[in-house]
Amino acid sequence: MEWHKGSETVQHLKETVQHLRETVQHLKETIQHLKETVQHLKETVQHLKETVQHLKETVQHLKETVQHLKETVQHLKETVQHLKETVQQLKETVQHLKETVQHLKETVQHLKETVQHLKETVQHLKETVQQLKETVQHLKETVQHLKETVQHLRGDRSAYLTGGTGRWAFEVTSPYLLAYANALQSEASVSSRPHGRQHMADQTRRRAVMSVS
């Protein structure tokens, strides 16, 4: 009976030893797992530290970005104000250009009227030149006729020698006609000036009378 109890005790001790061995093995595995967990936690802590540093840098960058955006907004406000002023200036420029165009149209119209007036003046001057040419021709013919008359009177010796009315007529008319012819010739040389025929004839007669007297 005692042997049987001793056998059970041995068996129980064997089982206890086996259980302790398994427990030791389990503890070893647990320790290994804990070591790995600690290593993983260390790596996680390092990663978290890096993440925190990155977040700090990100926050700093965001602060700088916010500041830059504020400055950009301010710049955009100033740009908008400048654009408003530019638009106003352009509106005034457009208005000024419209007025300038209107003024130029009126100037063109005035120039057209001036050109028309000048054309009419040129036409009138052409007609005046033609009239003056005709007057010059008429004066030349008159001068020639008077010279021939004077020559004829000078050649009329018989009328001069007989005396009386013929002699008196020659003595009176010959100097007058010669002076008149010379005056007409002088007027013909400057007849291109804008004088009327009556004015020219009056001047001619006055010069002839003064020359004879």
Protein backbone atom coordinates (compact mmCIF):
# COMPACT_ATOMS: atom_id res chain seq x y z
CA MET A 1 0.00 0.00 0.00
CA GLU A 2 2.83 2.37 0.87
CA TRP A 3 4.51 1.41 -2.36
CA HIS A 4 1.51 2.32 -4.27
CA LYS A 5 1.41 5.73 -2.61
CA GLY A 6 5.08 6.25 -3.32
CA SER A 7 4.48 5.45 -6.96
CA GLU A 8 1.70 8.01 -7.19
CA THR A 9 3.94 10.62 -5.56
CA VAL A 10 6.67 9.97 -8.09
CA GLN A 11 4.17 10.23 -10.89
CA HIS A 12 2.85 13.45 -9.45
CA LEU A 13 6.35 14.85 -9.12
CA LYS A 14 7.10 13.91 -12.73
CA GLU A 15 4.00 15.70 -13.85
CA THR A 16 4.93 18.69 -11.70
CA VAL A 17 8.41 18.76 -13.22
CA GLN A 18 6.91 18.49 -16.68
CA HIS A 19 4.53 21.26 -15.89
CA LEU A 20 7.36 23.41 -14.53
CA ARG A 21 9.40 22.73 -17.67
CA GLU A 22 6.48 23.83 -19.79
CA THR A 23 6.01 26.85 -17.58
CA VAL A 24 9.70 27.75 -17.95
CA GLN A 25 9.42 27.33 -21.70
CA HIS A 26 6.34 29.46 -21.75
CA LEU A 27 8.07 32.08 -19.62
CA LYS A 28 11.06 32.08 -21.99
CA GLU A 29 8.74 32.58 -24.91
CA THR A 30 6.91 35.28 -22.99
CA ILE A 31 10.20 37.01 -22.19
CA GLN A 32 11.20 36.79 -25.86
CA HIS A 33 7.85 38.18 -26.84
CA LEU A 34 8.21 40.95 -24.28
CA LYS A 35 11.69 41.76 -25.61
CA GLU A 36 10.29 41.97 -29.11
CA THR A 37 7.43 44.08 -27.82
CA VAL A 38 9.87 46.40 -26.05
CA GLN A 39 11.90 46.68 -29.27
CA HIS A 40 8.75 47.39 -31.21
CA LEU A 41 7.71 49.97 -28.64
CA LYS A 42 11.14 51.59 -28.86
CA GLU A 43 10.81 51.78 -32.63
CA THR A 44 7.27 53.11 -32.23
CA VAL A 45 8.50 55.75 -29.79
CA GLN A 46 11.24 56.73 -32.25
CA HIS A 47 8.70 56.88 -35.05
CA LEU A 48 6.41 58.97 -32.87
CA LYS A 49 9.27 61.32 -32.06
CA GLU A 50 10.00 61.70 -35.76
CA THR A 51 6.28 62.19 -36.42
CA VAL A 52 6.12 64.85 -33.71
CA GLN A 53 9.14 66.60 -35.27
CA HIS A 54 7.53 66.37 -38.67
CA LEU A 55 4.30 67.75 -37.25
CA LYS A 56 6.20 70.62 -35.66
CA GLU A 57 7.82 71.41 -38.99
CA THR A 58 4.43 71.10 -40.68
CA VAL A 59 2.91 73.49 -38.17
CA GLN A 60 5.76 75.94 -38.77
CA HIS A 61 5.29 75.58 -42.51
CA LEU A 62 1.55 76.13 -42.12
CA LYS A 63 2.21 79.25 -40.06
CA GLU A 64 4.52 80.57 -42.77
CA THR A 65 1.94 79.60 -45.40
CA VAL A 66 -0.77 81.44 -43.49
CA GLN A 67 1.48 84.51 -43.28
CA HIS A 68 2.23 84.25 -46.98
CA LEU A 69 -1.47 83.89 -47.75
CA LYS A 70 -2.22 86.96 -45.66
CA GLU A 71 0.40 88.92 -47.58
CA THR A 72 -0.98 87.52 -50.84
CA VAL A 73 -4.49 88.58 -49.86
CA GLN A 74 -3.19 92.07 -49.04
CA HIS A 75 -1.36 92.21 -52.35
CA LEU A 76 -4.48 91.06 -54.18
CA LYS A 77 -6.52 93.76 -52.45
CA GLU A 78 -3.98 96.37 -53.55
CA THR A 79 -4.01 94.88 -57.06
CA VAL A 80 -7.81 95.05 -57.15
CA GLN A 81 -7.65 98.69 -56.04
CA HIS A 82 -5.03 99.42 -58.70
CA LEU A 83 -7.15 97.67 -61.33
CA LYS A 84 -10.19 99.72 -60.31
CA GLU A 85 -8.15 102.91 -60.69
CA THR A 86 -6.80 101.65 -64.03
CA VAL A 87 -10.32 100.88 -65.24
CA GLN A 88 -11.43 104.38 -64.22
CA GLN A 89 -8.44 105.88 -65.99
CA LEU A 90 -9.18 103.81 -69.10
CA LYS A 91 -12.80 104.98 -69.04
CA GLU A 92 -11.60 108.59 -68.91
CA THR A 93 -9.11 107.85 -71.72
CA VAL A 94 -11.89 106.31 -73.83
CA GLN A 95 -14.05 109.38 -73.21
CA HIS A 96 -11.13 111.64 -74.15
CA LEU A 97 -10.51 109.60 -77.30
CA LYS A 98 -14.18 109.84 -78.24
CA GLU A 99 -14.02 113.62 -77.84
CA THR A 100 -10.77 113.67 -79.84
CA VAL A 101 -12.37 111.61 -82.61
CA GLN A 102 -15.34 113.98 -82.66
CA HIS A 103 -12.96 116.95 -82.81
CA LEU A 104 -11.01 115.30 -85.63
CA LYS A 105 -14.23 114.66 -87.54
CA GLU A 106 -15.14 118.33 -87.19
CA THR A 107 -11.59 119.29 -88.23
CA VAL A 108 -11.82 117.02 -91.28
CA GLN A 109 -15.15 118.58 -92.19
CA HIS A 110 -13.63 122.04 -91.77
CA LEU A 111 -10.64 121.05 -93.90
CA LYS A 112 -12.96 119.71 -96.59
CA GLU A 113 -14.80 123.02 -96.61
CA THR A 114 -11.44 124.85 -96.69
CA VAL A 115 -10.28 122.70 -99.61
CA GLN A 116 -13.52 123.45 -101.43
CA HIS A 117 -13.04 127.15 -100.74
CA LEU A 118 -9.43 126.95 -101.95
CA LYS A 119 -10.54 125.17 -105.11
CA GLU A 120 -13.05 127.95 -105.75
CA THR A 121 -10.34 130.54 -104.99
CA VAL A 122 -7.92 128.81 -107.38
CA GLN A 123 -10.62 128.77 -110.04
CA HIS A 124 -11.28 132.45 -109.43
CA LEU A 125 -7.55 133.19 -109.61
CA LYS A 126 -7.28 131.25 -112.86
CA GLU A 127 -10.10 133.34 -114.28
CA THR A 128 -8.42 136.50 -112.95
CA VAL A 129 -5.10 135.47 -114.53
CA GLN A 130 -6.89 134.86 -117.81
CA GLN A 131 -8.52 138.28 -117.58
CA LEU A 132 -5.14 139.86 -116.78
CA LYS A 133 -3.57 138.09 -119.74
CA GLU A 134 -6.33 139.45 -121.95
CA THR A 135 -5.79 142.92 -120.42
CA VAL A 136 -2.04 142.70 -121.04
CA GLN A 137 -2.71 141.66 -124.62
CA HIS A 138 -5.16 144.51 -125.02
CA LEU A 139 -2.66 146.98 -123.56
CA LYS A 140 0.08 145.69 -125.84
CA GLU A 141 -2.20 146.14 -128.83
CA THR A 142 -3.14 149.65 -127.61
CA VAL A 143 0.53 150.56 -127.15
CA GLN A 144 1.31 149.30 -130.60
CA HIS A 145 -1.60 151.23 -132.04
CA LEU A 146 -0.53 154.43 -130.24
CA LYS A 147 3.06 154.02 -131.38
CA GLU A 148 1.84 153.64 -134.93
CA THR A 149 -0.35 156.74 -134.52
CA VAL A 150 2.56 158.77 -133.15
CA GLN A 151 4.77 157.52 -135.94
CA HIS A 152 2.11 158.45 -138.44
CA LEU A 153 1.75 161.94 -136.95
CA ARG A 154 5.51 162.46 -136.95
CA GLY A 155 5.64 161.36 -140.54
CA ASP A 156 2.91 163.75 -141.59
CA ARG A 157 5.34 166.51 -142.58
CA SER A 158 2.96 168.29 -144.88
CA ALA A 159 0.41 168.85 -142.10
CA TYR A 160 3.12 170.21 -139.85
CA LEU A 161 4.62 172.51 -142.51
CA THR A 162 1.27 174.03 -143.54
CA GLY A 163 0.71 175.16 -139.94
CA GLY A 164 -2.76 176.02 -138.76
CA THR A 165 -4.97 173.44 -137.17
CA GLY A 166 -2.92 170.49 -138.37
CA ARG A 167 0.27 171.86 -136.86
CA TRP A 168 -1.47 172.67 -133.60
CA ALA A 169 -3.03 169.18 -133.45
CA PHE A 170 0.35 167.51 -134.01
CA GLU A 171 2.12 169.65 -131.42
CA VAL A 172 -0.60 168.96 -128.84
CA THR A 173 -1.43 165.29 -129.45
CA SER A 174 1.96 163.87 -130.36
CA PRO A 175 3.64 164.31 -126.92
CA TYR A 176 0.47 163.23 -125.13
CA LEU A 177 0.04 160.10 -127.22
CA LEU A 178 3.70 159.17 -126.86
CA ALA A 179 3.60 159.59 -123.07
CA TYR A 180 0.32 157.65 -122.94
CA ALA A 181 1.84 154.83 -124.95
CA ASN A 182 4.90 154.69 -122.67
CA ALA A 183 2.65 154.65 -119.60
CA LEU A 184 0.55 151.82 -121.08
CA GLN A 185 3.69 149.85 -121.80
CA SER A 186 4.83 150.33 -118.19
CA GLU A 187 1.45 149.17 -116.88
CA ALA A 188 1.47 146.14 -119.16
CA SER A 189 4.80 144.98 -117.66
CA VAL A 190 3.31 144.82 -114.14
CA SER A 191 -0.28 143.98 -115.01
CA SER A 192 0.00 140.56 -113.35
CA ARG A 193 -0.72 142.32 -110.06
CA PRO A 194 -4.38 142.13 -108.85
CA HIS A 195 -5.60 145.57 -110.08
CA GLY A 196 -8.80 146.26 -111.97
CA ARG A 197 -8.84 147.50 -115.54
CA GLN A 198 -10.42 150.85 -114.62
CA HIS A 199 -7.78 151.45 -111.95
CA MET A 200 -5.01 150.66 -114.43
CA ALA A 201 -6.50 153.00 -117.07
CA ASP A 202 -6.82 155.82 -114.55
CA GLN A 203 -3.21 155.39 -113.45
CA THR A 204 -2.10 155.34 -117.08
CA ARG A 205 -3.88 158.55 -117.95
CA ARG A 206 -2.54 160.32 -114.86
CA ARG A 207 1.03 159.28 -115.66
CA ALA A 208 0.63 160.42 -119.28
CA VAL A 209 -0.69 163.84 -118.27
CA MET A 210 2.08 164.29 -115.67
CA SER A 211 4.69 163.28 -118.24
CA VAL A 212 3.39 165.80 -120.81
CA SER A 213 3.05 168.60 -118.28
